Amino acid sequence: ISNAPGATINLTVNGQVTDLAYGGAATFDNAGQLNVSAGPNGAIIPDTFINTGTVSVNSGTLNLKNGGENSTTIYVAPNATLQFSGVPNSPFNCDSGSFLNCLGNLVFSEGTVNLAGTVSVAGTNTISGATVNVTGYYPITTPLVIGCGTLNFNGTGALTPSMLTMSCGWLTNSVPMVVSGQLNWSGGAIQGVVQFNGGTISYGPTATFLEGGELINTGILGWTNTYILD
């Protein structure tokens, strides 16, 4: 499928998951305008997605499921969601000139995503199973949720989430993270400096590891039923 420069595709999905192509190794090339309005179950692009045009996720969830590349802009409206759920050996690369402009939520659930461009998220940043490598400008100022995923932050921008919730996975940050609200940590490995304003450390699905990192508590911290391995 190829959407030519100057062309527009309006993808409307009402209460169902839509696959845009079936069978074989396929590519969806968007050089024009792709508008997505999705219902409760979202819209899935199961092909390798190459974006040199503009994508607007106006409602619901757009799930990019098989890797690809973004060199321009993907816009996500308030209350909408952009999701990356790639497969092994099919990374999704956001180039240095790209822009993920998320007024809604950004979810990384599978695969590998390399963020070399600019990312802005007004909703929640969720890493639930993917490996996310940040080398570009990605100020994280809203809630950050890490559950059995990996965040390797070697980029720029304020690393000041309003809350950090971590139940599994890995957090590696080359610059200190200053959480303005609480840390709720029930599993996974922290490999950088994290300052937070109280919260909880508790028993969860995996052990809690402090691997060369540092925790700095500035509030009231409840620590129950677990221990930290280092």
C-alpha atoms as a PDB file:
ATOM      1  CA  ILE A   1       0.000   0.000   0.000  1.00  0.00           C
ATOM      2  CA  SER A   2       1.354   3.421  -0.939  1.00  0.00           C
ATOM      3  CA  ASN A   3      -0.222   6.772  -0.105  1.00  0.00           C
ATOM      4  CA  ALA A   4       1.332   9.247  -2.540  1.00  0.00           C
ATOM      5  CA  PRO A   5       2.403  12.825  -1.738  1.00  0.00           C
ATOM      6  CA  GLY A   6      -0.648  15.074  -1.699  1.00  0.00           C
ATOM      7  CA  ALA A   7      -3.030  12.146  -1.218  1.00  0.00           C
ATOM      8  CA  THR A   8      -5.130  11.394   1.870  1.00  0.00           C
ATOM      9  CA  ILE A   9      -6.319   8.165   3.494  1.00  0.00           C
ATOM     10  CA  ASN A  10      -9.049   8.451   6.123  1.00  0.00           C
ATOM     11  CA  LEU A  11      -8.941   5.238   8.151  1.00  0.00           C
ATOM     12  CA  THR A  12     -12.093   4.822  10.220  1.00  0.00           C
ATOM     13  CA  VAL A  13     -12.442   1.770  12.458  1.00  0.00           C
ATOM     14  CA  ASN A  14     -15.616   1.357  14.500  1.00  0.00           C
ATOM     15  CA  GLY A  15     -15.299  -1.173  17.295  1.00  0.00           C
ATOM     16  CA  GLN A  16     -13.027  -3.630  15.541  1.00  0.00           C
ATOM     17  CA  VAL A  17      -9.390  -4.355  14.820  1.00  0.00           C
ATOM     18  CA  THR A  18      -8.501  -3.807  11.179  1.00  0.00           C
ATOM     19  CA  ASP A  19      -5.547  -5.346   9.377  1.00  0.00           C
ATOM     20  CA  LEU A  20      -4.660  -3.317   6.327  1.00  0.00           C
ATOM     21  CA  ALA A  21      -2.838  -6.110   4.514  1.00  0.00           C
ATOM     22  CA  TYR A  22      -2.622  -9.870   4.708  1.00  0.00           C
ATOM     23  CA  GLY A  23       0.068 -12.425   3.922  1.00  0.00           C
ATOM     24  CA  GLY A  24       3.715 -12.126   2.950  1.00  0.00           C
ATOM     25  CA  ALA A  25       6.162  -9.352   3.662  1.00  0.00           C
ATOM     26  CA  ALA A  26       4.332  -6.101   2.906  1.00  0.00           C
ATOM     27  CA  THR A  27       5.088  -2.412   3.331  1.00  0.00           C
ATOM     28  CA  PHE A  28       2.767   0.507   3.955  1.00  0.00           C
ATOM     29  CA  ASP A  29       4.338   3.701   2.563  1.00  0.00           C
ATOM     30  CA  ASN A  30       2.720   6.940   3.648  1.00  0.00           C
ATOM     31  CA  ALA A  31       4.022  10.011   1.841  1.00  0.00           C
ATOM     32  CA  GLY A  32       0.728  11.885   2.110  1.00  0.00           C
ATOM     33  CA  GLN A  33      -1.780  12.368   4.913  1.00  0.00           C
ATOM     34  CA  LEU A  34      -3.050   9.419   6.971  1.00  0.00           C
ATOM     35  CA  ASN A  35      -5.956  10.221   9.312  1.00  0.00           C
ATOM     36  CA  VAL A  36      -6.934   7.570  11.860  1.00  0.00           C
ATOM     37  CA  SER A  37     -10.209   7.478  13.785  1.00  0.00           C
ATOM     38  CA  ALA A  38     -10.382   4.227  15.735  1.00  0.00           C
ATOM     39  CA  GLY A  39     -12.938   2.657  18.037  1.00  0.00           C
ATOM     40  CA  PRO A  40     -12.353   0.755  21.285  1.00  0.00           C
ATOM     41  CA  ASN A  41     -10.266  -2.006  19.697  1.00  0.00           C
ATOM     42  CA  GLY A  42      -8.049   0.333  17.744  1.00  0.00           C
ATOM     43  CA  ALA A  43      -6.471   0.096  14.306  1.00  0.00           C
ATOM     44  CA  ILE A  44      -3.529  -2.148  13.497  1.00  0.00           C
ATOM     45  CA  ILE A  45      -1.025  -1.695  10.685  1.00  0.00           C
ATOM     46  CA  PRO A  46       0.626  -5.135  10.541  1.00  0.00           C
ATOM     47  CA  ASP A  47       2.989  -4.224   7.696  1.00  0.00           C
ATOM     48  CA  THR A  48       6.315  -2.427   7.882  1.00  0.00           C
ATOM     49  CA  PHE A  49       5.248   1.216   8.119  1.00  0.00           C
ATOM     50  CA  ILE A  50       7.327   3.906   6.395  1.00  0.00           C
ATOM     51  CA  ASN A  51       6.165   7.455   7.088  1.00  0.00           C
ATOM     52  CA  THR A  52       7.531  10.372   5.086  1.00  0.00           C
ATOM     53  CA  GLY A  53       4.233  12.247   5.186  1.00  0.00           C
ATOM     54  CA  THR A  54       1.976  13.077   8.132  1.00  0.00           C
ATOM     55  CA  VAL A  55      -0.062  10.803  10.399  1.00  0.00           C
ATOM     56  CA  SER A  56      -2.872  12.101  12.596  1.00  0.00           C
ATOM     57  CA  VAL A  57      -4.327   9.731  15.213  1.00  0.00           C
ATOM     58  CA  ASN A  58      -7.545  11.576  15.947  1.00  0.00           C
ATOM     59  CA  SER A  59      -9.203   9.009  18.227  1.00  0.00           C
ATOM     60  CA  GLY A  60      -8.641   5.530  19.609  1.00  0.00           C
ATOM     61  CA  THR A  61      -5.364   3.632  19.193  1.00  0.00           C
ATOM     62  CA  LEU A  62      -3.082   3.224  16.203  1.00  0.00           C
ATOM     63  CA  ASN A  63      -0.874   0.161  16.640  1.00  0.00           C
ATOM     64  CA  LEU A  64       2.244  -0.038  14.441  1.00  0.00           C
ATOM     65  CA  LYS A  65       2.962  -3.722  14.627  1.00  0.00           C
ATOM     66  CA  ASN A  66       5.851  -4.662  12.336  1.00  0.00           C
ATOM     67  CA  GLY A  67       8.631  -2.105  12.524  1.00  0.00           C
ATOM     68  CA  GLY A  68       9.394   0.641  10.061  1.00  0.00           C
ATOM     69  CA  GLU A  69      10.619   4.208   9.998  1.00  0.00           C
ATOM     70  CA  ASN A  70       9.327   7.706  10.696  1.00  0.00           C
ATOM     71  CA  SER A  71      11.209  10.675   9.285  1.00  0.00           C
ATOM     72  CA  THR A  72       8.478  13.312   9.687  1.00  0.00           C
ATOM     73  CA  THR A  73       5.507  13.848  12.034  1.00  0.00           C
ATOM     74  CA  ILE A  74       3.039  11.581  13.790  1.00  0.00           C
ATOM     75  CA  TYR A  75       0.388  13.534  15.695  1.00  0.00           C
ATOM     76  CA  VAL A  76      -1.738  11.992  18.454  1.00  0.00           C
ATOM     77  CA  ALA A  77      -4.822  13.850  19.676  1.00  0.00           C
ATOM     78  CA  PRO A  78      -5.770  14.156  23.361  1.00  0.00           C
ATOM     79  CA  ASN A  79      -7.208  10.874  24.689  1.00  0.00           C
ATOM     80  CA  ALA A  80      -5.851   8.973  21.668  1.00  0.00           C
ATOM     81  CA  THR A  81      -2.919   6.528  21.759  1.00  0.00           C
ATOM     82  CA  LEU A  82       0.032   5.616  19.556  1.00  0.00           C
ATOM     83  CA  GLN A  83       1.301   2.087  20.206  1.00  0.00           C
ATOM     84  CA  PHE A  84       4.430   0.296  18.982  1.00  0.00           C
ATOM     85  CA  SER A  85       4.259  -3.503  19.128  1.00  0.00           C
ATOM     86  CA  GLY A  86       6.924  -4.693  16.740  1.00  0.00           C
ATOM     87  CA  VAL A  87       8.348  -8.155  16.247  1.00  0.00           C
ATOM     88  CA  PRO A  88      11.933  -9.336  16.873  1.00  0.00           C
ATOM     89  CA  ASN A  89      14.443  -8.167  14.250  1.00  0.00           C
ATOM     90  CA  SER A  90      12.009  -5.544  12.936  1.00  0.00           C
ATOM     91  CA  PRO A  91      12.804  -2.323  14.824  1.00  0.00           C
ATOM     92  CA  PHE A  92      10.915   0.912  14.380  1.00  0.00           C
ATOM     93  CA  ASN A  93      13.280   3.850  13.857  1.00  0.00           C
ATOM     94  CA  CYS A  94      12.340   7.477  14.423  1.00  0.00           C
ATOM     95  CA  ASP A  95      14.983   9.500  12.574  1.00  0.00           C
ATOM     96  CA  SER A  96      16.720  12.593  13.901  1.00  0.00           C
ATOM     97  CA  GLY A  97      14.328  14.903  12.049  1.00  0.00           C
ATOM     98  CA  SER A  98      11.181  13.124  13.181  1.00  0.00           C
ATOM     99  CA  PHE A  99       8.536  14.319  15.640  1.00  0.00           C
ATOM    100  CA  LEU A 100       6.170  12.215  17.744  1.00  0.00           C
ATOM    101  CA  ASN A 101       3.722  14.870  18.912  1.00  0.00           C
ATOM    102  CA  CYS A 102       1.535  13.026  21.428  1.00  0.00           C
ATOM    103  CA  LEU A 103      -1.130  15.054  23.159  1.00  0.00           C
ATOM    104  CA  GLY A 104      -2.482  11.666  24.211  1.00  0.00           C
ATOM    105  CA  ASN A 105      -0.629   8.507  25.277  1.00  0.00           C
ATOM    106  CA  LEU A 106       2.459   6.719  23.979  1.00  0.00           C
ATOM    107  CA  VAL A 107       2.763   2.938  24.486  1.00  0.00           C
ATOM    108  CA  PHE A 108       5.715   0.647  23.697  1.00  0.00           C
ATOM    109  CA  SER A 109       4.519  -2.939  24.129  1.00  0.00           C
ATOM    110  CA  GLU A 110       6.816  -5.144  22.023  1.00  0.00           C
ATOM    111  CA  GLY A 111       9.892  -5.068  19.805  1.00  0.00           C
ATOM    112  CA  THR A 112      12.578  -2.381  19.638  1.00  0.00           C
ATOM    113  CA  VAL A 113      12.005   1.324  19.065  1.00  0.00           C
ATOM    114  CA  ASN A 114      14.894   3.720  18.430  1.00  0.00           C
ATOM    115  CA  LEU A 115      14.059   7.359  19.130  1.00  0.00           C
ATOM    116  CA  ALA A 116      16.602   9.733  17.585  1.00  0.00           C
ATOM    117  CA  GLY A 117      14.178  12.597  16.941  1.00  0.00           C
ATOM    118  CA  THR A 118      11.859  14.706  19.093  1.00  0.00           C
ATOM    119  CA  VAL A 119       9.174  13.165  21.297  1.00  0.00           C
ATOM    120  CA  SER A 120       6.547  15.092  23.254  1.00  0.00           C
ATOM    121  CA  VAL A 121       3.955  13.289  25.405  1.00  0.00           C
ATOM    122  CA  ALA A 122       1.160  15.019  27.319  1.00  0.00           C
ATOM    123  CA  GLY A 123      -0.437  11.770  28.512  1.00  0.00           C
ATOM    124  CA  THR A 124       1.191   8.646  29.919  1.00  0.00           C
ATOM    125  CA  ASN A 125       4.480   7.075  28.757  1.00  0.00           C
ATOM    126  CA  THR A 126       4.124   3.277  29.012  1.00  0.00           C
ATOM    127  CA  ILE A 127       6.838   0.696  28.336  1.00  0.00           C
ATOM    128  CA  SER A 128       5.230  -2.685  28.867  1.00  0.00           C
ATOM    129  CA  GLY A 129       7.418  -5.115  26.925  1.00  0.00           C
ATOM    130  CA  ALA A 130       9.505  -3.256  24.370  1.00  0.00           C
ATOM    131  CA  THR A 131      13.085  -2.021  24.350  1.00  0.00           C
ATOM    132  CA  VAL A 132      13.154   1.756  23.882  1.00  0.00           C
ATOM    133  CA  ASN A 133      16.475   3.405  23.027  1.00  0.00           C
ATOM    134  CA  VAL A 134      16.409   7.192  23.363  1.00  0.00           C
ATOM    135  CA  THR A 135      19.166   9.289  21.782  1.00  0.00           C
ATOM    136  CA  GLY A 136      17.087  12.299  20.719  1.00  0.00           C
ATOM    137  CA  TYR A 137      15.116  15.003  22.522  1.00  0.00           C
ATOM    138  CA  TYR A 138      12.501  13.360  24.739  1.00  0.00           C
ATOM    139  CA  PRO A 139      11.509  15.362  27.818  1.00  0.00           C
ATOM    140  CA  ILE A 140       9.543  12.999  30.072  1.00  0.00           C
ATOM    141  CA  THR A 141       7.436  15.155  32.386  1.00  0.00           C
ATOM    142  CA  THR A 142       4.213  13.124  32.635  1.00  0.00           C
ATOM    143  CA  PRO A 143       3.636   9.684  34.268  1.00  0.00           C
ATOM    144  CA  LEU A 144       6.130   6.970  33.292  1.00  0.00           C
ATOM    145  CA  VAL A 145       5.117   3.309  33.600  1.00  0.00           C
ATOM    146  CA  ILE A 146       7.652   0.512  33.075  1.00  0.00           C
ATOM    147  CA  GLY A 147       6.363  -3.055  33.142  1.00  0.00           C
ATOM    148  CA  CYS A 148       8.666  -5.770  31.757  1.00  0.00           C
ATOM    149  CA  GLY A 149      10.180  -3.400  29.234  1.00  0.00           C
ATOM    150  CA  THR A 150      13.508  -1.592  28.911  1.00  0.00           C
ATOM    151  CA  LEU A 151      14.145   2.147  28.767  1.00  0.00           C
ATOM    152  CA  ASN A 152      17.678   3.123  27.758  1.00  0.00           C
ATOM    153  CA  PHE A 153      17.691   6.907  28.092  1.00  0.00           C
ATOM    154  CA  ASN A 154      20.752   8.527  26.541  1.00  0.00           C
ATOM    155  CA  GLY A 155      18.940  11.506  25.083  1.00  0.00           C
ATOM    156  CA  THR A 156      18.263  15.107  26.066  1.00  0.00           C
ATOM    157  CA  GLY A 157      15.346  16.908  27.644  1.00  0.00           C
ATOM    158  CA  ALA A 158      14.043  17.106  31.191  1.00  0.00           C
ATOM    159  CA  LEU A 159      13.785  13.664  32.774  1.00  0.00           C
ATOM    160  CA  THR A 160      11.207  14.739  35.361  1.00  0.00           C
ATOM    161  CA  PRO A 161       8.164  12.432  35.235  1.00  0.00           C
ATOM    162  CA  SER A 162       5.283  13.353  37.510  1.00  0.00           C
ATOM    163  CA  MET A 163       5.217   9.713  38.718  1.00  0.00           C
ATOM    164  CA  LEU A 164       7.284   6.575  38.121  1.00  0.00           C
ATOM    165  CA  THR A 165       5.611   3.162  38.363  1.00  0.00           C
ATOM    166  CA  MET A 166       7.879   0.162  37.784  1.00  0.00           C
ATOM    167  CA  SER A 167       6.922  -3.490  38.170  1.00  0.00           C
ATOM    168  CA  CYS A 168       9.432  -5.252  35.917  1.00  0.00           C
ATOM    169  CA  GLY A 169      12.088  -4.529  33.307  1.00  0.00           C
ATOM    170  CA  TRP A 170      15.067  -2.171  33.241  1.00  0.00           C
ATOM    171  CA  LEU A 171      15.612   1.563  33.588  1.00  0.00           C
ATOM    172  CA  THR A 172      18.963   2.909  32.454  1.00  0.00           C
ATOM    173  CA  ASN A 173      19.353   6.685  32.430  1.00  0.00           C
ATOM    174  CA  SER A 174      22.597   8.532  31.719  1.00  0.00           C
ATOM    175  CA  VAL A 175      21.230  11.708  33.343  1.00  0.00           C
ATOM    176  CA  PRO A 176      19.535  11.778  36.776  1.00  0.00           C
ATOM    177  CA  MET A 177      15.781  11.288  36.851  1.00  0.00           C
ATOM    178  CA  VAL A 178      13.927  13.629  39.202  1.00  0.00           C
ATOM    179  CA  VAL A 179      10.396  12.371  39.830  1.00  0.00           C
ATOM    180  CA  SER A 180       8.217  15.228  41.035  1.00  0.00           C
ATOM    181  CA  GLY A 181       5.743  12.765  42.552  1.00  0.00           C
ATOM    182  CA  GLN A 182       5.967   9.228  43.867  1.00  0.00           C
ATOM    183  CA  LEU A 183       8.017   6.187  42.967  1.00  0.00           C
ATOM    184  CA  ASN A 184       5.989   2.960  43.100  1.00  0.00           C
ATOM    185  CA  TRP A 185       8.530   0.181  42.597  1.00  0.00           C
ATOM    186  CA  SER A 186       7.579  -3.495  42.811  1.00  0.00           C
ATOM    187  CA  GLY A 187      10.116  -5.116  40.499  1.00  0.00           C
ATOM    188  CA  GLY A 188      12.792  -4.608  37.871  1.00  0.00           C
ATOM    189  CA  ALA A 189      16.257  -3.076  37.735  1.00  0.00           C
ATOM    190  CA  ILE A 190      17.186   0.586  38.162  1.00  0.00           C
ATOM    191  CA  GLN A 191      20.603   1.378  36.712  1.00  0.00           C
ATOM    192  CA  GLY A 192      20.709   5.165  37.067  1.00  0.00           C
ATOM    193  CA  VAL A 193      20.069   7.939  39.596  1.00  0.00           C
ATOM    194  CA  VAL A 194      16.394   8.346  40.531  1.00  0.00           C
ATOM    195  CA  GLN A 195      15.181  11.013  42.959  1.00  0.00           C
ATOM    196  CA  PHE A 196      11.541  10.858  44.051  1.00  0.00           C
ATOM    197  CA  ASN A 197       9.055  12.324  46.512  1.00  0.00           C
ATOM    198  CA  GLY A 198       8.075   9.298  48.575  1.00  0.00           C
ATOM    199  CA  GLY A 199       5.964   6.393  47.368  1.00  0.00           C
ATOM    200  CA  THR A 200       6.212   2.632  47.850  1.00  0.00           C
ATOM    201  CA  ILE A 201       8.703  -0.188  47.445  1.00  0.00           C
ATOM    202  CA  SER A 202       6.872  -3.497  47.649  1.00  0.00           C
ATOM    203  CA  TYR A 203       6.861  -7.139  46.651  1.00  0.00           C
ATOM    204  CA  GLY A 204       5.870  -7.647  43.029  1.00  0.00           C
ATOM    205  CA  PRO A 205       6.145 -10.039  40.088  1.00  0.00           C
ATOM    206  CA  THR A 206       9.959  -9.793  39.941  1.00  0.00           C
ATOM    207  CA  ALA A 207      12.778  -8.866  42.310  1.00  0.00           C
ATOM    208  CA  THR A 208      13.893  -5.258  42.739  1.00  0.00           C
ATOM    209  CA  PHE A 209      17.486  -4.654  41.606  1.00  0.00           C
ATOM    210  CA  LEU A 210      19.592  -1.546  42.123  1.00  0.00           C
ATOM    211  CA  GLU A 211      22.379  -2.228  39.621  1.00  0.00           C
ATOM    212  CA  GLY A 212      24.852   0.613  39.934  1.00  0.00           C
ATOM    213  CA  GLY A 213      22.018   3.066  40.427  1.00  0.00           C
ATOM    214  CA  GLU A 214      21.058   5.360  43.282  1.00  0.00           C
ATOM    215  CA  LEU A 215      17.713   6.086  44.939  1.00  0.00           C
ATOM    216  CA  ILE A 216      17.158   9.464  46.601  1.00  0.00           C
ATOM    217  CA  ASN A 217      13.955   9.801  48.646  1.00  0.00           C
ATOM    218  CA  THR A 218      12.715  13.303  49.503  1.00  0.00           C
ATOM    219  CA  GLY A 219       9.264  12.385  50.868  1.00  0.00           C
ATOM    220  CA  ILE A 220       7.508   9.612  52.789  1.00  0.00           C
ATOM    221  CA  LEU A 221       8.405   6.140  51.522  1.00  0.00           C
ATOM    222  CA  GLY A 222       6.607   2.967  52.507  1.00  0.00           C
ATOM    223  CA  TRP A 223       8.907  -0.058  52.151  1.00  0.00           C
ATOM    224  CA  THR A 224       7.116  -3.383  52.709  1.00  0.00           C
ATOM    225  CA  ASN A 225       7.600  -7.100  52.142  1.00  0.00           C
ATOM    226  CA  THR A 226      10.604  -6.950  49.845  1.00  0.00           C
ATOM    227  CA  TYR A 227      14.326  -6.354  49.647  1.00  0.00           C
ATOM    228  CA  ILE A 228      16.570  -4.688  47.089  1.00  0.00           C
ATOM    229  CA  LEU A 229      19.333  -6.677  45.401  1.00  0.00           C
ATOM    230  CA  ASP A 230      22.514  -4.889  44.405  1.00  0.00           C
END
